[in-house]
Amino acid sequence: MDKITHKGIIERVDDGKVIVRIVQNSACGACRVAGHCSAAESKEKLVEAIAPSASTKYAKGDEVTVAMKGASGVKAVLIAFIFPFILMVAVIALLLALSCGENVAALCGVGILIPYYGIVYLLNNKLKWQFQFVLEDTLKLN
């Protein structure tokens, strides 16, 4: 099974979970001239990873690898980018077909994203469990 992995440093250990600081590099981050190029980016992020025996196995400063099922990454892209794009295009096409005018169609197409992302925000706790990182040694991706 395909998976997404990131190496990181443990920032905090809680019961059953750890907070890991990962450095997310752009695709060209490994290039030899990346230090001289403004296109090369890297960002630090804190992610929460599930670790059943975290308090006994891990400590702040340990280097670990966090992983997530690859399918979860695809699902996240669908929810964050693909579905809203399809919704926006559908609203614009529908309003243009109803002869509402280009300005109204464009505003409504962009405006439909407000309730969409509002609903995604309200479902945050439900969605959070579908996009969990786990520590690599505890990973079971069957």
N, C-alpha and C. Protein backbone atom coordinates (compact mmCIF):
# COMPACT_ATOMS: atom_id res chain seq x y z
N MET A 1 0.84 -1.19 0.00
CA MET A 1 0.00 0.00 0.00
C MET A 1 0.88 1.24 0.00
N ASP A 2 0.51 2.21 -0.76
CA ASP A 2 1.23 3.46 -0.87
C ASP A 2 1.01 4.30 0.39
N LYS A 3 2.05 5.02 0.81
CA LYS A 3 1.92 5.86 1.98
C LYS A 3 2.73 7.14 1.81
N ILE A 4 2.36 8.14 2.59
CA ILE A 4 3.03 9.42 2.60
C ILE A 4 3.84 9.48 3.89
N THR A 5 5.14 9.75 3.80
CA THR A 5 5.97 9.80 5.00
C THR A 5 6.73 11.11 5.09
N HIS A 6 7.02 11.52 6.31
CA HIS A 6 7.84 12.71 6.59
C HIS A 6 8.70 12.41 7.80
N LYS A 7 9.95 12.80 7.74
CA LYS A 7 10.82 12.70 8.91
C LYS A 7 10.62 13.96 9.73
N GLY A 8 10.72 13.81 11.06
CA GLY A 8 10.54 14.96 11.91
C GLY A 8 11.13 14.75 13.29
N ILE A 9 11.03 15.78 14.10
CA ILE A 9 11.53 15.78 15.47
C ILE A 9 10.35 15.93 16.41
N ILE A 10 10.31 15.11 17.45
CA ILE A 10 9.21 15.19 18.42
C ILE A 10 9.34 16.47 19.24
N GLU A 11 8.27 17.24 19.26
CA GLU A 11 8.20 18.48 20.03
C GLU A 11 7.56 18.27 21.39
N ARG A 12 6.55 17.40 21.43
CA ARG A 12 5.81 17.17 22.67
C ARG A 12 5.25 15.75 22.67
N VAL A 13 5.25 15.13 23.83
CA VAL A 13 4.70 13.78 23.97
C VAL A 13 3.52 13.85 24.92
N ASP A 14 2.36 13.41 24.45
CA ASP A 14 1.16 13.31 25.27
C ASP A 14 0.76 11.85 25.32
N ASP A 15 -0.20 11.52 26.13
CA ASP A 15 -0.65 10.14 26.24
C ASP A 15 -1.38 9.73 24.96
N GLY A 16 -0.81 8.79 24.22
CA GLY A 16 -1.44 8.28 23.02
C GLY A 16 -1.16 9.06 21.75
N LYS A 17 -0.43 10.18 21.87
CA LYS A 17 -0.10 10.96 20.67
C LYS A 17 1.17 11.76 20.90
N VAL A 18 1.79 12.13 19.80
CA VAL A 18 2.97 12.99 19.85
C VAL A 18 2.80 14.13 18.86
N ILE A 19 3.39 15.25 19.17
CA ILE A 19 3.41 16.38 18.25
C ILE A 19 4.80 16.40 17.61
N VAL A 20 4.83 16.31 16.28
CA VAL A 20 6.08 16.19 15.54
C VAL A 20 6.25 17.41 14.64
N ARG A 21 7.46 17.99 14.67
CA ARG A 21 7.79 19.11 13.79
C ARG A 21 8.43 18.52 12.54
N ILE A 22 7.78 18.75 11.39
CA ILE A 22 8.32 18.27 10.12
C ILE A 22 8.68 19.46 9.25
N VAL A 23 9.66 19.27 8.38
CA VAL A 23 10.03 20.29 7.41
C VAL A 23 9.51 19.81 6.08
N GLN A 24 8.62 20.60 5.50
CA GLN A 24 8.01 20.26 4.22
C GLN A 24 8.77 21.01 3.14
N ASN A 25 9.45 20.28 2.26
CA ASN A 25 10.21 20.90 1.18
C ASN A 25 9.42 20.89 -0.11
N SER A 26 9.66 21.89 -0.93
CA SER A 26 9.03 21.89 -2.25
C SER A 26 9.71 20.82 -3.10
N ALA A 27 9.18 20.56 -4.25
CA ALA A 27 9.72 19.51 -5.13
C ALA A 27 11.16 19.78 -5.52
N CYS A 28 11.55 21.05 -5.59
CA CYS A 28 12.92 21.36 -6.00
C CYS A 28 13.82 21.61 -4.80
N GLY A 29 13.36 21.29 -3.61
CA GLY A 29 14.14 21.55 -2.40
C GLY A 29 15.43 20.76 -2.34
N ALA A 30 15.50 19.62 -3.01
CA ALA A 30 16.70 18.79 -2.97
C ALA A 30 17.69 19.17 -4.07
N CYS A 31 17.36 20.11 -4.90
CA CYS A 31 18.23 20.54 -5.99
C CYS A 31 19.51 21.17 -5.44
N ARG A 32 20.64 21.01 -6.15
CA ARG A 32 21.91 21.55 -5.67
C ARG A 32 21.94 23.07 -5.64
N VAL A 33 21.17 23.72 -6.48
CA VAL A 33 21.17 25.19 -6.50
C VAL A 33 19.96 25.78 -5.77
N ALA A 34 19.27 24.96 -5.01
CA ALA A 34 18.05 25.42 -4.32
C ALA A 34 18.33 26.58 -3.37
N GLY A 35 19.53 26.64 -2.79
CA GLY A 35 19.87 27.72 -1.88
C GLY A 35 19.95 29.07 -2.56
N HIS A 36 20.13 29.08 -3.85
CA HIS A 36 20.26 30.33 -4.60
C HIS A 36 19.02 30.64 -5.42
N CYS A 37 18.00 29.84 -5.28
CA CYS A 37 16.80 29.96 -6.10
C CYS A 37 15.62 30.36 -5.22
N SER A 38 14.86 31.33 -5.66
CA SER A 38 13.71 31.77 -4.87
C SER A 38 12.53 30.81 -4.99
N ALA A 39 12.58 29.88 -5.93
CA ALA A 39 11.47 28.94 -6.10
C ALA A 39 11.52 27.82 -5.06
N ALA A 40 12.70 27.58 -4.49
CA ALA A 40 12.82 26.50 -3.50
C ALA A 40 12.28 26.98 -2.16
N GLU A 41 11.28 26.29 -1.66
CA GLU A 41 10.66 26.66 -0.39
C GLU A 41 10.74 25.50 0.58
N SER A 42 10.74 25.83 1.86
CA SER A 42 10.53 24.80 2.87
C SER A 42 9.80 25.45 4.02
N LYS A 43 8.85 24.70 4.59
CA LYS A 43 8.05 25.20 5.70
C LYS A 43 8.07 24.18 6.82
N GLU A 44 8.12 24.68 8.03
CA GLU A 44 8.01 23.80 9.18
C GLU A 44 6.55 23.72 9.58
N LYS A 45 6.11 22.51 9.91
CA LYS A 45 4.73 22.29 10.34
C LYS A 45 4.74 21.37 11.54
N LEU A 46 3.74 21.56 12.39
CA LEU A 46 3.53 20.65 13.51
C LEU A 46 2.37 19.74 13.17
N VAL A 47 2.59 18.44 13.28
CA VAL A 47 1.53 17.47 13.03
C VAL A 47 1.35 16.60 14.26
N GLU A 48 0.13 16.16 14.46
CA GLU A 48 -0.19 15.26 15.55
C GLU A 48 -0.19 13.84 15.01
N ALA A 49 0.57 12.97 15.67
CA ALA A 49 0.65 11.57 15.23
C ALA A 49 0.19 10.65 16.35
N ILE A 50 -0.52 9.62 15.97
CA ILE A 50 -1.00 8.63 16.93
C ILE A 50 0.16 7.71 17.32
N ALA A 51 0.32 7.52 18.62
CA ALA A 51 1.35 6.61 19.15
C ALA A 51 0.81 6.02 20.45
N PRO A 52 0.28 4.79 20.41
CA PRO A 52 -0.38 4.20 21.58
C PRO A 52 0.43 4.24 22.87
N SER A 53 1.73 3.96 22.81
CA SER A 53 2.54 3.96 24.04
C SER A 53 3.55 5.11 23.99
N ALA A 54 3.09 6.28 23.62
CA ALA A 54 3.96 7.42 23.39
C ALA A 54 4.78 7.81 24.61
N SER A 55 4.15 7.88 25.78
CA SER A 55 4.84 8.40 26.95
C SER A 55 5.98 7.49 27.42
N THR A 56 5.94 6.22 27.07
CA THR A 56 7.01 5.32 27.49
C THR A 56 8.06 5.09 26.42
N LYS A 57 7.71 5.25 25.15
CA LYS A 57 8.62 4.94 24.05
C LYS A 57 9.37 6.15 23.51
N TYR A 58 8.77 7.34 23.57
CA TYR A 58 9.33 8.49 22.88
C TYR A 58 9.57 9.65 23.83
N ALA A 59 10.51 10.51 23.45
CA ALA A 59 10.82 11.69 24.25
C ALA A 59 11.01 12.88 23.32
N LYS A 60 10.88 14.06 23.88
CA LYS A 60 11.08 15.29 23.10
C LYS A 60 12.49 15.27 22.50
N GLY A 61 12.57 15.60 21.21
CA GLY A 61 13.85 15.64 20.52
C GLY A 61 14.17 14.39 19.73
N ASP A 62 13.42 13.30 19.93
CA ASP A 62 13.65 12.08 19.16
C ASP A 62 13.31 12.31 17.69
N GLU A 63 14.11 11.73 16.80
CA GLU A 63 13.81 11.80 15.37
C GLU A 63 12.92 10.62 15.02
N VAL A 64 11.81 10.89 14.36
CA VAL A 64 10.84 9.85 14.00
C VAL A 64 10.38 10.08 12.57
N THR A 65 9.68 9.09 12.04
CA THR A 65 9.05 9.21 10.74
C THR A 65 7.55 9.07 10.94
N VAL A 66 6.80 10.06 10.46
CA VAL A 66 5.35 9.99 10.53
C VAL A 66 4.84 9.57 9.16
N ALA A 67 3.72 8.84 9.14
CA ALA A 67 3.19 8.34 7.88
C ALA A 67 1.67 8.40 7.88
N MET A 68 1.14 8.47 6.68
CA MET A 68 -0.30 8.47 6.45
C MET A 68 -0.55 7.65 5.20
N LYS A 69 -1.68 6.97 5.16
CA LYS A 69 -2.04 6.22 3.96
C LYS A 69 -2.10 7.17 2.77
N GLY A 70 -1.58 6.73 1.64
CA GLY A 70 -1.61 7.54 0.43
C GLY A 70 -3.01 7.90 0.00
N ALA A 71 -3.96 7.00 0.21
CA ALA A 71 -5.35 7.27 -0.15
C ALA A 71 -5.91 8.43 0.64
N SER A 72 -5.44 8.62 1.86
CA SER A 72 -5.90 9.75 2.68
C SER A 72 -5.45 11.06 2.07
N GLY A 73 -4.25 11.08 1.50
CA GLY A 73 -3.76 12.28 0.84
C GLY A 73 -4.60 12.63 -0.37
N VAL A 74 -4.98 11.63 -1.13
CA VAL A 74 -5.84 11.84 -2.30
C VAL A 74 -7.20 12.37 -1.87
N LYS A 75 -7.74 11.79 -0.81
CA LYS A 75 -9.04 12.23 -0.30
C LYS A 75 -8.97 13.69 0.17
N ALA A 76 -7.86 14.06 0.81
CA ALA A 76 -7.70 15.45 1.27
C ALA A 76 -7.66 16.42 0.08
N VAL A 77 -6.97 16.05 -0.98
CA VAL A 77 -6.91 16.89 -2.18
C VAL A 77 -8.29 17.02 -2.81
N LEU A 78 -9.04 15.93 -2.84
CA LEU A 78 -10.41 15.98 -3.39
C LEU A 78 -11.28 16.96 -2.60
N ILE A 79 -11.24 16.86 -1.28
CA ILE A 79 -12.07 17.72 -0.44
C ILE A 79 -11.62 19.17 -0.50
N ALA A 80 -10.33 19.41 -0.51
CA ALA A 80 -9.82 20.78 -0.44
C ALA A 80 -9.81 21.50 -1.78
N PHE A 81 -9.63 20.77 -2.88
CA PHE A 81 -9.45 21.45 -4.16
C PHE A 81 -10.39 21.00 -5.28
N ILE A 82 -10.52 19.70 -5.49
CA ILE A 82 -11.27 19.20 -6.65
C ILE A 82 -12.77 19.43 -6.51
N PHE A 83 -13.37 19.00 -5.38
CA PHE A 83 -14.82 19.19 -5.19
C PHE A 83 -15.22 20.67 -5.24
N PRO A 84 -14.50 21.56 -4.57
CA PRO A 84 -14.90 22.97 -4.65
C PRO A 84 -14.77 23.53 -6.07
N PHE A 85 -13.76 23.09 -6.81
CA PHE A 85 -13.60 23.55 -8.20
C PHE A 85 -14.78 23.10 -9.04
N ILE A 86 -15.17 21.83 -8.91
CA ILE A 86 -16.31 21.30 -9.67
C ILE A 86 -17.59 22.04 -9.28
N LEU A 87 -17.78 22.29 -7.99
CA LEU A 87 -18.95 23.02 -7.51
C LEU A 87 -18.99 24.43 -8.09
N MET A 88 -17.86 25.11 -8.07
CA MET A 88 -17.78 26.48 -8.58
C MET A 88 -18.10 26.52 -10.08
N VAL A 89 -17.51 25.62 -10.86
CA VAL A 89 -17.75 25.57 -12.31
C VAL A 89 -19.21 25.23 -12.59
N ALA A 90 -19.80 24.32 -11.82
CA ALA A 90 -21.20 23.94 -12.02
C ALA A 90 -22.14 25.12 -11.76
N VAL A 91 -21.87 25.87 -10.69
CA VAL A 91 -22.71 27.04 -10.38
C VAL A 91 -22.59 28.09 -11.48
N ILE A 92 -21.37 28.34 -11.93
CA ILE A 92 -21.17 29.33 -13.00
C ILE A 92 -21.89 28.88 -14.28
N ALA A 93 -21.73 27.61 -14.65
CA ALA A 93 -22.37 27.10 -15.87
C ALA A 93 -23.89 27.16 -15.76
N LEU A 94 -24.43 26.80 -14.60
CA LEU A 94 -25.88 26.84 -14.40
C LEU A 94 -26.42 28.26 -14.52
N LEU A 95 -25.76 29.20 -13.88
CA LEU A 95 -26.23 30.59 -13.92
C LEU A 95 -26.07 31.22 -15.31
N LEU A 96 -25.03 30.84 -16.02
CA LEU A 96 -24.88 31.33 -17.39
C LEU A 96 -25.96 30.73 -18.29
N ALA A 97 -26.30 29.47 -18.05
CA ALA A 97 -27.37 28.82 -18.83
C ALA A 97 -28.72 29.47 -18.55
N LEU A 98 -28.89 30.02 -17.34
CA LEU A 98 -30.13 30.70 -16.97
C LEU A 98 -30.10 32.19 -17.34
N SER A 99 -29.08 32.59 -18.08
CA SER A 99 -28.91 33.98 -18.55
C SER A 99 -28.88 34.99 -17.41
N CYS A 100 -28.13 34.69 -16.36
CA CYS A 100 -28.02 35.60 -15.22
C CYS A 100 -26.94 36.64 -15.41
N GLY A 101 -26.14 36.54 -16.42
CA GLY A 101 -25.06 37.49 -16.66
C GLY A 101 -23.74 36.97 -16.10
N GLU A 102 -22.66 37.36 -16.75
CA GLU A 102 -21.35 36.86 -16.38
C GLU A 102 -20.91 37.33 -15.00
N ASN A 103 -21.17 38.59 -14.68
CA ASN A 103 -20.75 39.11 -13.37
C ASN A 103 -21.44 38.38 -12.22
N VAL A 104 -22.75 38.20 -12.34
CA VAL A 104 -23.51 37.51 -11.30
C VAL A 104 -23.04 36.05 -11.20
N ALA A 105 -22.85 35.41 -12.35
CA ALA A 105 -22.41 34.01 -12.36
C ALA A 105 -21.04 33.87 -11.69
N ALA A 106 -20.12 34.77 -12.01
CA ALA A 106 -18.78 34.71 -11.42
C ALA A 106 -18.83 34.94 -9.91
N LEU A 107 -19.57 35.94 -9.48
CA LEU A 107 -19.68 36.21 -8.04
C LEU A 107 -20.33 35.06 -7.29
N CYS A 108 -21.37 34.50 -7.85
CA CYS A 108 -22.04 33.36 -7.20
C CYS A 108 -21.13 32.12 -7.21
N GLY A 109 -20.38 31.94 -8.30
CA GLY A 109 -19.46 30.80 -8.37
C GLY A 109 -18.40 30.87 -7.29
N VAL A 110 -17.83 32.05 -7.09
CA VAL A 110 -16.85 32.22 -6.02
C VAL A 110 -17.54 32.20 -4.66
N GLY A 111 -18.72 32.80 -4.59
CA GLY A 111 -19.46 32.87 -3.33
C GLY A 111 -19.91 31.52 -2.80
N ILE A 112 -20.11 30.54 -3.69
CA ILE A 112 -20.53 29.21 -3.24
C ILE A 112 -19.44 28.53 -2.42
N LEU A 113 -18.21 29.01 -2.56
CA LEU A 113 -17.11 28.42 -1.81
C LEU A 113 -17.19 28.75 -0.32
N ILE A 114 -17.84 29.86 0.03
CA ILE A 114 -17.97 30.24 1.45
C ILE A 114 -18.77 29.19 2.22
N PRO A 115 -19.99 28.83 1.78
CA PRO A 115 -20.69 27.77 2.52
C PRO A 115 -20.00 26.42 2.42
N TYR A 116 -19.36 26.13 1.27
CA TYR A 116 -18.67 24.84 1.13
C TYR A 116 -17.59 24.70 2.18
N TYR A 117 -16.69 25.70 2.25
CA TYR A 117 -15.60 25.61 3.23
C TYR A 117 -16.12 25.78 4.65
N GLY A 118 -17.24 26.45 4.83
CA GLY A 118 -17.88 26.53 6.15
C GLY A 118 -18.32 25.15 6.62
N ILE A 119 -18.91 24.39 5.71
CA ILE A 119 -19.35 23.02 6.04
C ILE A 119 -18.13 22.14 6.34
N VAL A 120 -17.08 22.28 5.54
CA VAL A 120 -15.85 21.51 5.79
C VAL A 120 -15.30 21.86 7.18
N TYR A 121 -15.33 23.13 7.54
CA TYR A 121 -14.86 23.55 8.86
C TYR A 121 -15.72 22.95 9.97
N LEU A 122 -17.03 22.94 9.78
CA LEU A 122 -17.92 22.37 10.79
C LEU A 122 -17.72 20.86 10.94
N LEU A 123 -17.31 20.21 9.86
CA LEU A 123 -17.06 18.77 9.89
C LEU A 123 -15.62 18.44 10.25
N ASN A 124 -14.88 19.44 10.71
CA ASN A 124 -13.46 19.29 11.02
C ASN A 124 -13.17 18.11 11.93
N ASN A 125 -13.91 17.98 13.02
CA ASN A 125 -13.65 16.88 13.96
C ASN A 125 -13.92 15.52 13.34
N LYS A 126 -14.92 15.44 12.50
CA LYS A 126 -15.23 14.18 11.82
C LYS A 126 -14.15 13.83 10.78
N LEU A 127 -13.74 14.84 10.03
CA LEU A 127 -12.73 14.63 9.00
C LEU A 127 -11.35 14.37 9.58
N LYS A 128 -11.07 14.94 10.73
CA LYS A 128 -9.75 14.82 11.36
C LYS A 128 -9.34 13.37 11.54
N TRP A 129 -10.29 12.52 11.88
CA TRP A 129 -9.98 11.11 12.13
C TRP A 129 -9.66 10.35 10.84
N GLN A 130 -10.04 10.87 9.70
CA GLN A 130 -9.73 10.21 8.44
C GLN A 130 -8.35 10.56 7.93
N PHE A 131 -7.73 11.60 8.50
CA PHE A 131 -6.44 12.08 8.03
C PHE A 131 -5.42 12.08 9.16
N GLN A 132 -5.30 10.95 9.84
CA GLN A 132 -4.39 10.85 10.98
C GLN A 132 -3.01 10.36 10.54
N PHE A 133 -1.98 11.03 11.07
CA PHE A 133 -0.62 10.52 10.93
C PHE A 133 -0.38 9.53 12.06
N VAL A 134 0.45 8.55 11.79
CA VAL A 134 0.91 7.62 12.83
C VAL A 134 2.42 7.55 12.75
N LEU A 135 3.06 7.15 13.84
CA LEU A 135 4.51 6.96 13.80
C LEU A 135 4.81 5.70 13.01
N GLU A 136 5.85 5.76 12.21
CA GLU A 136 6.17 4.69 11.25
C GLU A 136 6.26 3.31 11.90
N ASP A 137 6.86 3.19 13.07
CA ASP A 137 7.00 1.86 13.67
C ASP A 137 5.68 1.30 14.19
N THR A 138 4.65 2.16 14.34
CA THR A 138 3.34 1.67 14.79
C THR A 138 2.37 1.57 13.62
N LEU A 139 2.86 1.80 12.40
CA LEU A 139 2.00 1.88 11.22
C LEU A 139 1.54 0.50 10.76
N LYS A 140 0.26 0.39 10.55
CA LYS A 140 -0.35 -0.84 10.02
C LYS A 140 -1.16 -0.46 8.78
N LEU A 141 -0.54 -0.54 7.61
CA LEU A 141 -1.21 -0.15 6.36
C LEU A 141 -1.49 -1.40 5.52
N ASN A 142 -2.42 -2.18 5.92
CA ASN A 142 -2.75 -3.40 5.17
C ASN A 142 -3.69 -3.09 4.04
